[in-house]
N, C-alpha and C. Protein backbone atom coordinates (compact mmCIF):
# COMPACT_ATOMS: atom_id res chain seq x y z
N MET A 1 0.74 -0.97 -0.06
CA MET A 1 0.05 -0.18 -0.40
C MET A 1 1.05 1.30 -0.26
N LYS A 2 0.80 1.79 -0.98
CA LYS A 2 1.17 3.37 -1.36
C LYS A 2 1.01 4.26 -0.01
N LYS A 3 1.95 4.91 0.70
CA LYS A 3 1.80 6.06 1.00
C LYS A 3 2.02 7.15 0.56
N PHE A 4 0.51 8.22 1.07
CA PHE A 4 0.71 9.55 0.20
C PHE A 4 1.12 11.19 1.31
N THR A 5 1.59 11.67 0.65
CA THR A 5 1.97 13.24 1.27
C THR A 5 0.61 14.39 1.13
N LEU A 6 0.57 14.94 1.91
CA LEU A 6 -0.67 15.65 2.14
C LEU A 6 -0.73 16.89 0.86
N ALA A 7 0.30 16.89 0.15
CA ALA A 7 0.22 17.33 -1.33
C ALA A 7 -0.06 16.84 -2.32
N THR A 8 0.27 15.47 -2.33
CA THR A 8 0.26 14.43 -2.93
C THR A 8 -1.11 14.28 -2.97
N SER A 9 -2.02 14.45 -1.80
CA SER A 9 -3.49 14.16 -2.32
C SER A 9 -4.31 14.75 -2.66
N ARG A 10 -3.74 16.34 -2.32
CA ARG A 10 -4.35 17.41 -2.80
C ARG A 10 -4.03 17.73 -4.55
N VAL A 11 -3.05 17.40 -4.92
CA VAL A 11 -3.16 17.42 -6.50
C VAL A 11 -4.00 16.24 -6.92
N ILE A 12 -4.04 15.18 -6.83
CA ILE A 12 -5.18 14.13 -7.36
C ILE A 12 -6.34 14.58 -7.34
N ALA A 13 -6.77 15.31 -6.10
CA ALA A 13 -7.77 15.81 -5.67
C ALA A 13 -7.75 16.51 -6.45
N ALA A 14 -7.27 17.60 -7.07
CA ALA A 14 -7.18 18.44 -7.55
C ALA A 14 -7.80 18.10 -9.34
N ALA A 15 -7.24 17.03 -9.89
CA ALA A 15 -6.91 16.35 -11.03
C ALA A 15 -8.31 15.61 -11.08
N THR A 16 -8.78 15.09 -10.11
CA THR A 16 -9.59 14.47 -10.39
C THR A 16 -10.73 15.47 -10.51
N LEU A 17 -10.65 16.39 -9.65
CA LEU A 17 -11.86 17.64 -9.40
C LEU A 17 -12.18 18.22 -11.31
N ALA A 18 -10.79 18.08 -11.73
CA ALA A 18 -10.92 18.75 -12.72
C ALA A 18 -11.83 17.53 -14.10
N GLY A 19 -11.22 16.68 -14.15
CA GLY A 19 -12.01 16.06 -14.11
C GLY A 19 -13.64 15.55 -14.54
N SER A 20 -14.25 15.27 -12.93
CA SER A 20 -15.41 15.47 -13.05
C SER A 20 -16.01 16.84 -13.96
N LEU A 21 -15.17 17.73 -13.14
CA LEU A 21 -16.23 19.10 -13.71
C LEU A 21 -16.63 19.13 -15.56
N SER A 22 -15.77 18.44 -16.11
CA SER A 22 -15.91 18.33 -17.19
C SER A 22 -17.33 17.11 -17.99
N LEU A 23 -17.74 16.47 -16.66
CA LEU A 23 -18.34 14.97 -16.89
C LEU A 23 -19.72 15.72 -16.92
N SER A 24 -19.90 17.47 -16.73
CA SER A 24 -21.49 17.43 -16.42
C SER A 24 -21.43 18.76 -17.95
N PRO A 25 -22.73 18.28 -18.66
CA PRO A 25 -22.61 18.49 -20.26
C PRO A 25 -22.65 20.37 -19.78
N THR A 26 -23.09 20.74 -18.92
CA THR A 26 -23.15 22.39 -19.16
C THR A 26 -21.72 22.67 -19.40
N VAL A 27 -20.74 22.07 -19.03
CA VAL A 27 -19.01 22.28 -19.01
C VAL A 27 -18.55 22.12 -20.10
N SER A 28 -18.75 21.07 -20.74
CA SER A 28 -18.32 20.53 -22.45
C SER A 28 -18.93 19.30 -22.34
N ALA A 29 -19.23 19.76 -23.87
CA ALA A 29 -20.14 18.31 -24.35
C ALA A 29 -19.04 17.47 -25.24
N ASP A 30 -17.81 17.37 -25.23
CA ASP A 30 -16.75 16.07 -25.49
C ASP A 30 -15.85 15.37 -24.55
N ASN A 31 -16.47 15.75 -23.33
CA ASN A 31 -15.30 15.32 -22.28
C ASN A 31 -13.65 15.67 -22.10
N ALA A 32 -13.98 16.96 -22.78
CA ALA A 32 -11.62 17.24 -22.92
C ALA A 32 -11.58 17.10 -21.29
N GLY A 33 -12.22 18.18 -20.56
CA GLY A 33 -11.61 17.98 -19.11
C GLY A 33 -11.62 16.91 -19.02
N ALA A 34 -12.29 15.90 -18.36
CA ALA A 34 -11.98 14.71 -18.02
C ALA A 34 -11.25 13.90 -19.03
N PHE A 35 -10.96 14.28 -20.31
CA PHE A 35 -9.39 13.52 -20.33
C PHE A 35 -8.66 13.99 -20.15
N VAL A 36 -8.53 15.43 -19.77
CA VAL A 36 -7.49 16.41 -19.42
C VAL A 36 -6.92 15.90 -17.96
N GLY A 37 -8.19 15.77 -17.26
CA GLY A 37 -7.80 15.74 -15.73
C GLY A 37 -7.76 14.49 -15.87
N GLY A 38 -8.36 13.18 -16.22
CA GLY A 38 -7.18 11.70 -16.02
C GLY A 38 -6.17 11.69 -16.98
N MET A 39 -5.95 12.37 -17.64
CA MET A 39 -3.87 12.21 -17.98
C MET A 39 -3.20 12.64 -17.35
N LEU A 40 -3.91 14.45 -16.29
CA LEU A 40 -3.00 14.82 -15.50
C LEU A 40 -2.53 14.07 -13.81
N THR A 41 -4.19 13.18 -14.10
CA THR A 41 -4.20 12.42 -12.99
C THR A 41 -3.17 10.59 -13.10
N SER A 42 -3.37 10.28 -14.37
CA SER A 42 -2.29 9.60 -14.63
C SER A 42 -1.03 9.44 -14.45
N ARG A 43 -0.37 10.87 -14.76
CA ARG A 43 0.91 11.36 -14.55
C ARG A 43 1.36 11.37 -13.17
N VAL A 44 0.04 12.21 -12.72
CA VAL A 44 1.00 11.89 -11.47
C VAL A 44 1.43 10.75 -10.67
N MET A 45 0.10 9.62 -10.60
CA MET A 45 0.16 9.06 -10.35
C MET A 45 1.26 7.72 -11.18
N HIS A 46 2.01 7.99 -11.88
CA HIS A 46 2.87 7.40 -12.56
C HIS A 46 4.46 8.10 -12.15
N ASN A 47 4.43 9.35 -11.73
CA ASN A 47 5.67 9.91 -11.32
C ASN A 47 5.76 9.49 -9.78
N MET A 48 5.08 9.31 -9.11
CA MET A 48 4.75 8.61 -7.45
C MET A 48 5.20 7.92 -7.64
N HIS A 49 5.00 6.97 -8.43
CA HIS A 49 5.43 5.78 -8.99
C HIS A 49 6.73 5.32 -8.69
N ALA A 50 7.21 5.98 -9.80
CA ALA A 50 8.61 6.08 -10.08
C ALA A 50 9.43 6.99 -9.07
N ARG A 51 8.96 7.71 -8.44
CA ARG A 51 9.75 7.95 -7.21
C ARG A 51 9.82 7.34 -5.94
N THR A 52 8.96 6.28 -5.76
CA THR A 52 8.57 4.97 -4.95
C THR A 52 9.78 4.38 -5.01
N GLU A 53 9.65 3.69 -6.44
CA GLU A 53 10.54 3.14 -6.79
C GLU A 53 12.34 3.09 -6.54
N ALA A 54 12.35 4.84 -6.64
CA ALA A 54 14.05 4.96 -7.12
C ALA A 54 14.59 5.26 -5.09
N GLU A 55 13.70 5.80 -4.15
CA GLU A 55 13.21 5.49 -2.89
C GLU A 55 13.89 4.35 -2.75
N GLN A 56 13.16 3.40 -3.10
CA GLN A 56 13.66 1.57 -2.52
C GLN A 56 14.76 1.30 -3.08
N GLN A 57 15.00 1.78 -4.18
CA GLN A 57 16.50 0.95 -4.64
C GLN A 57 17.79 2.17 -3.85
N GLN A 58 17.64 2.98 -3.61
CA GLN A 58 18.24 4.14 -3.15
C GLN A 58 19.02 3.35 -1.30
N ALA A 59 17.37 2.71 -0.64
CA ALA A 59 17.50 1.72 0.32
C ALA A 59 18.21 1.02 0.29
N TYR A 60 17.58 0.25 -0.23
CA TYR A 60 18.60 -1.46 -1.06
C TYR A 60 19.98 -1.08 -0.58
N TYR A 61 20.62 -0.47 -2.01
CA TYR A 61 21.64 -0.23 -2.58
C TYR A 61 22.30 0.82 -1.18
N ALA A 62 21.76 1.63 -0.13
CA ALA A 62 22.78 1.60 0.98
C ALA A 62 22.66 0.45 2.02
N GLN A 63 21.98 -0.34 1.81
CA GLN A 63 21.88 -0.97 2.67
C GLN A 63 22.69 -2.13 2.15
N GLN A 64 23.10 -2.26 1.62
CA GLN A 64 24.39 -3.56 0.87
C GLN A 64 25.47 -2.70 0.93
N GLN A 65 25.73 -1.50 0.78
CA GLN A 65 26.96 -1.03 1.12
C GLN A 65 27.17 -0.59 2.66
N ALA A 66 26.42 -0.57 3.22
CA ALA A 66 26.94 -0.87 4.95
C ALA A 66 26.91 -2.41 5.21
N GLN A 67 26.32 -3.15 4.81
CA GLN A 67 26.67 -4.62 4.75
C GLN A 67 27.98 -4.80 4.07
N GLN A 68 28.57 -4.12 3.43
CA GLN A 68 30.25 -4.97 2.51
C GLN A 68 30.76 -3.81 3.21
N GLN A 69 30.52 -2.81 4.04
CA GLN A 69 31.37 -1.99 5.03
C GLN A 69 31.44 -2.64 5.98
N GLN A 70 30.76 -3.28 6.49
CA GLN A 70 30.63 -4.31 8.01
C GLN A 70 31.15 -5.66 7.69
N ALA A 71 31.68 -5.86 6.51
CA ALA A 71 32.37 -7.57 6.34
C ALA A 71 33.59 -7.36 6.25
N GLN A 72 34.06 -5.98 5.88
CA GLN A 72 35.36 -5.34 5.72
C GLN A 72 36.27 -5.66 6.59
N PRO A 73 37.46 -6.95 7.08
CA PRO A 73 38.04 -6.58 7.81
C PRO A 73 38.25 -5.07 7.91
N VAL A 74 39.03 -4.56 9.55
CA VAL A 74 39.12 -3.19 10.25
C VAL A 74 40.55 -3.64 9.58
N GLN A 75 41.23 -2.70 9.11
CA GLN A 75 43.09 -2.42 8.42
C GLN A 75 43.49 -2.08 10.27
N GLN A 76 44.88 -2.55 10.72
CA GLN A 76 45.52 -1.67 11.66
C GLN A 76 46.15 -1.18 10.96
N ALA A 77 47.10 -0.06 11.44
CA ALA A 77 47.78 0.99 11.00
C ALA A 77 48.78 0.61 11.76
N PRO A 78 50.61 0.68 11.17
CA PRO A 78 51.52 0.18 11.53
C PRO A 78 51.82 0.64 12.75
N ALA A 79 52.39 -0.16 13.78
CA ALA A 79 52.52 0.59 15.12
C ALA A 79 53.76 0.96 15.08
N GLN A 80 55.21 1.25 13.94
CA GLN A 80 55.88 2.09 14.12
C GLN A 80 56.19 1.74 13.03
N PRO A 81 56.94 3.54 12.22
CA PRO A 81 57.65 3.35 10.20
C PRO A 81 58.13 2.23 10.59
N ALA A 82 58.66 1.95 8.97
CA ALA A 82 59.51 1.22 8.60
C ALA A 82 60.89 1.77 9.18
N GLN A 83 62.25 1.10 9.08
CA GLN A 83 63.50 1.77 9.92
C GLN A 83 64.13 1.46 8.16
N LYS A 84 65.13 3.03 8.67
CA LYS A 84 65.07 3.46 7.18
C LYS A 84 66.67 2.63 7.08
N THR A 85 67.02 2.38 5.76
CA THR A 85 68.35 1.76 5.83
C THR A 85 69.54 2.75 5.76
N THR A 86 70.77 2.15 5.47
CA THR A 86 71.98 2.16 5.95
C THR A 86 71.80 3.89 4.60
N GLN A 87 71.79 3.42 3.50
CA GLN A 87 72.00 4.15 2.38
C GLN A 87 70.60 5.84 2.79
N GLN A 88 69.51 5.20 2.75
CA GLN A 88 68.72 6.49 3.13
C GLN A 88 69.36 7.34 4.38
N LYS A 89 69.70 6.97 5.42
CA LYS A 89 70.40 7.67 6.52
C LYS A 89 71.53 8.64 5.69
N LEU A 90 72.42 7.76 5.15
CA LEU A 90 73.73 8.63 4.86
C LEU A 90 73.00 9.37 3.62
N GLU A 91 71.91 9.27 2.77
CA GLU A 91 71.80 10.91 2.04
C GLU A 91 70.95 11.25 2.52
N GLU A 92 70.31 11.07 3.69
CA GLU A 92 69.43 12.68 4.62
C GLU A 92 70.80 13.23 5.12
N LEU A 93 71.99 12.46 5.71
CA LEU A 93 72.96 13.02 6.19
C LEU A 93 73.75 13.75 5.64
N ASP A 94 73.81 13.62 4.35
CA ASP A 94 74.46 14.58 2.95
C ASP A 94 73.39 15.79 3.09
N LYS A 95 72.27 15.52 2.43
CA LYS A 95 71.53 16.84 2.41
C LYS A 95 71.43 17.76 4.01
N LEU A 96 71.77 16.99 5.10
CA LEU A 96 71.25 18.14 5.74
C LEU A 96 73.13 18.75 6.21
N ALA A 97 74.22 18.18 5.52
CA ALA A 97 75.41 18.79 5.39
C ALA A 97 75.47 19.53 3.97
N ALA A 98 75.14 19.26 2.80
CA ALA A 98 75.02 20.51 2.19
C ALA A 98 74.43 21.42 2.25
N GLY A 99 73.27 21.32 2.94
CA GLY A 99 72.65 22.76 3.08
C GLY A 99 72.76 23.74 4.52
N GLY A 100 73.75 22.99 5.10
CA GLY A 100 74.44 23.64 6.21
C GLY A 100 73.87 23.63 7.68
N TYR A 101 73.47 22.91 7.68
CA TYR A 101 72.90 22.24 9.07
C TYR A 101 73.28 21.94 10.32
N ILE A 102 74.08 21.30 9.38
CA ILE A 102 75.91 20.58 10.75
C ILE A 102 77.09 21.17 10.09
N THR A 103 77.56 20.74 11.13
CA THR A 103 78.98 21.19 10.79
C THR A 103 79.54 20.20 10.34
N PRO A 104 80.97 20.53 9.67
CA PRO A 104 81.65 18.83 9.09
C PRO A 104 81.82 18.29 10.24
N GLU A 105 82.26 18.97 11.22
CA GLU A 105 82.42 17.66 12.53
C GLU A 105 81.69 16.89 12.83
N GLU A 106 80.09 17.54 12.95
CA GLU A 106 78.95 16.55 13.11
C GLU A 106 78.64 15.73 12.16
N TYR A 107 79.33 16.40 10.87
CA TYR A 107 78.62 14.90 9.58
C TYR A 107 79.20 14.37 9.90
N LYS A 108 80.98 14.35 10.29
CA LYS A 108 81.73 13.51 10.25
C LYS A 108 81.81 11.95 11.54
N ALA A 109 81.00 12.56 12.80
CA ALA A 109 80.75 11.76 13.51
C ALA A 109 79.64 11.02 13.92
N LYS A 110 78.46 11.56 12.49
CA LYS A 110 77.15 10.96 12.49
C LYS A 110 77.88 9.75 11.71
N LYS A 111 78.24 10.12 10.51
CA LYS A 111 78.71 9.63 9.44
C LYS A 111 79.13 8.18 9.73
N LYS A 112 80.58 8.08 10.73
CA LYS A 112 80.95 7.34 11.57
C LYS A 112 79.91 6.43 12.44
N GLN A 113 78.58 7.31 13.68
CA GLN A 113 77.93 6.42 13.59
C GLN A 113 77.02 5.24 13.15
N ILE A 114 76.80 5.68 11.85
CA ILE A 114 75.95 5.06 11.00
C ILE A 114 76.28 3.67 10.80
N LEU A 115 77.73 4.04 10.20
CA LEU A 115 78.81 3.22 9.54
C LEU A 115 79.23 2.17 10.43
N ASP A 116 79.49 2.50 11.72
CA ASP A 116 79.66 1.44 12.97
C ASP A 116 78.17 0.80 12.97
N SER A 117 77.69 1.32 12.80
CA SER A 117 75.89 0.27 12.91
C SER A 117 75.58 -0.33 12.05
N MET A 118 76.27 -0.99 11.57
CA MET A 118 76.22 -1.38 10.06
C MET A 118 76.22 -3.28 10.68
């Protein structure tokens, strides 16, 4: 059973009224009003049906997506970053020395420390 909003009910009532007004012989002899009212009512009902189907599809896909997200395992972030290789440490040290951030004595001491840890 479809649920109608107040606005939708008013549109259907107006369309039905428009169609019923033309049934009177004083309004129109050829029932053009009934035809227009019937067409309007038909179109409103078609639009409501299409909207209901679209809402049902959206709800279905949202439910499917929620189920997929629940089914996926939770990935944990690594506890610690990966250790730098000796080559990476030396390259970083070279950049610091080239930029003037460390003195030549500090460079030599740190380079010796890195090489000794191999």
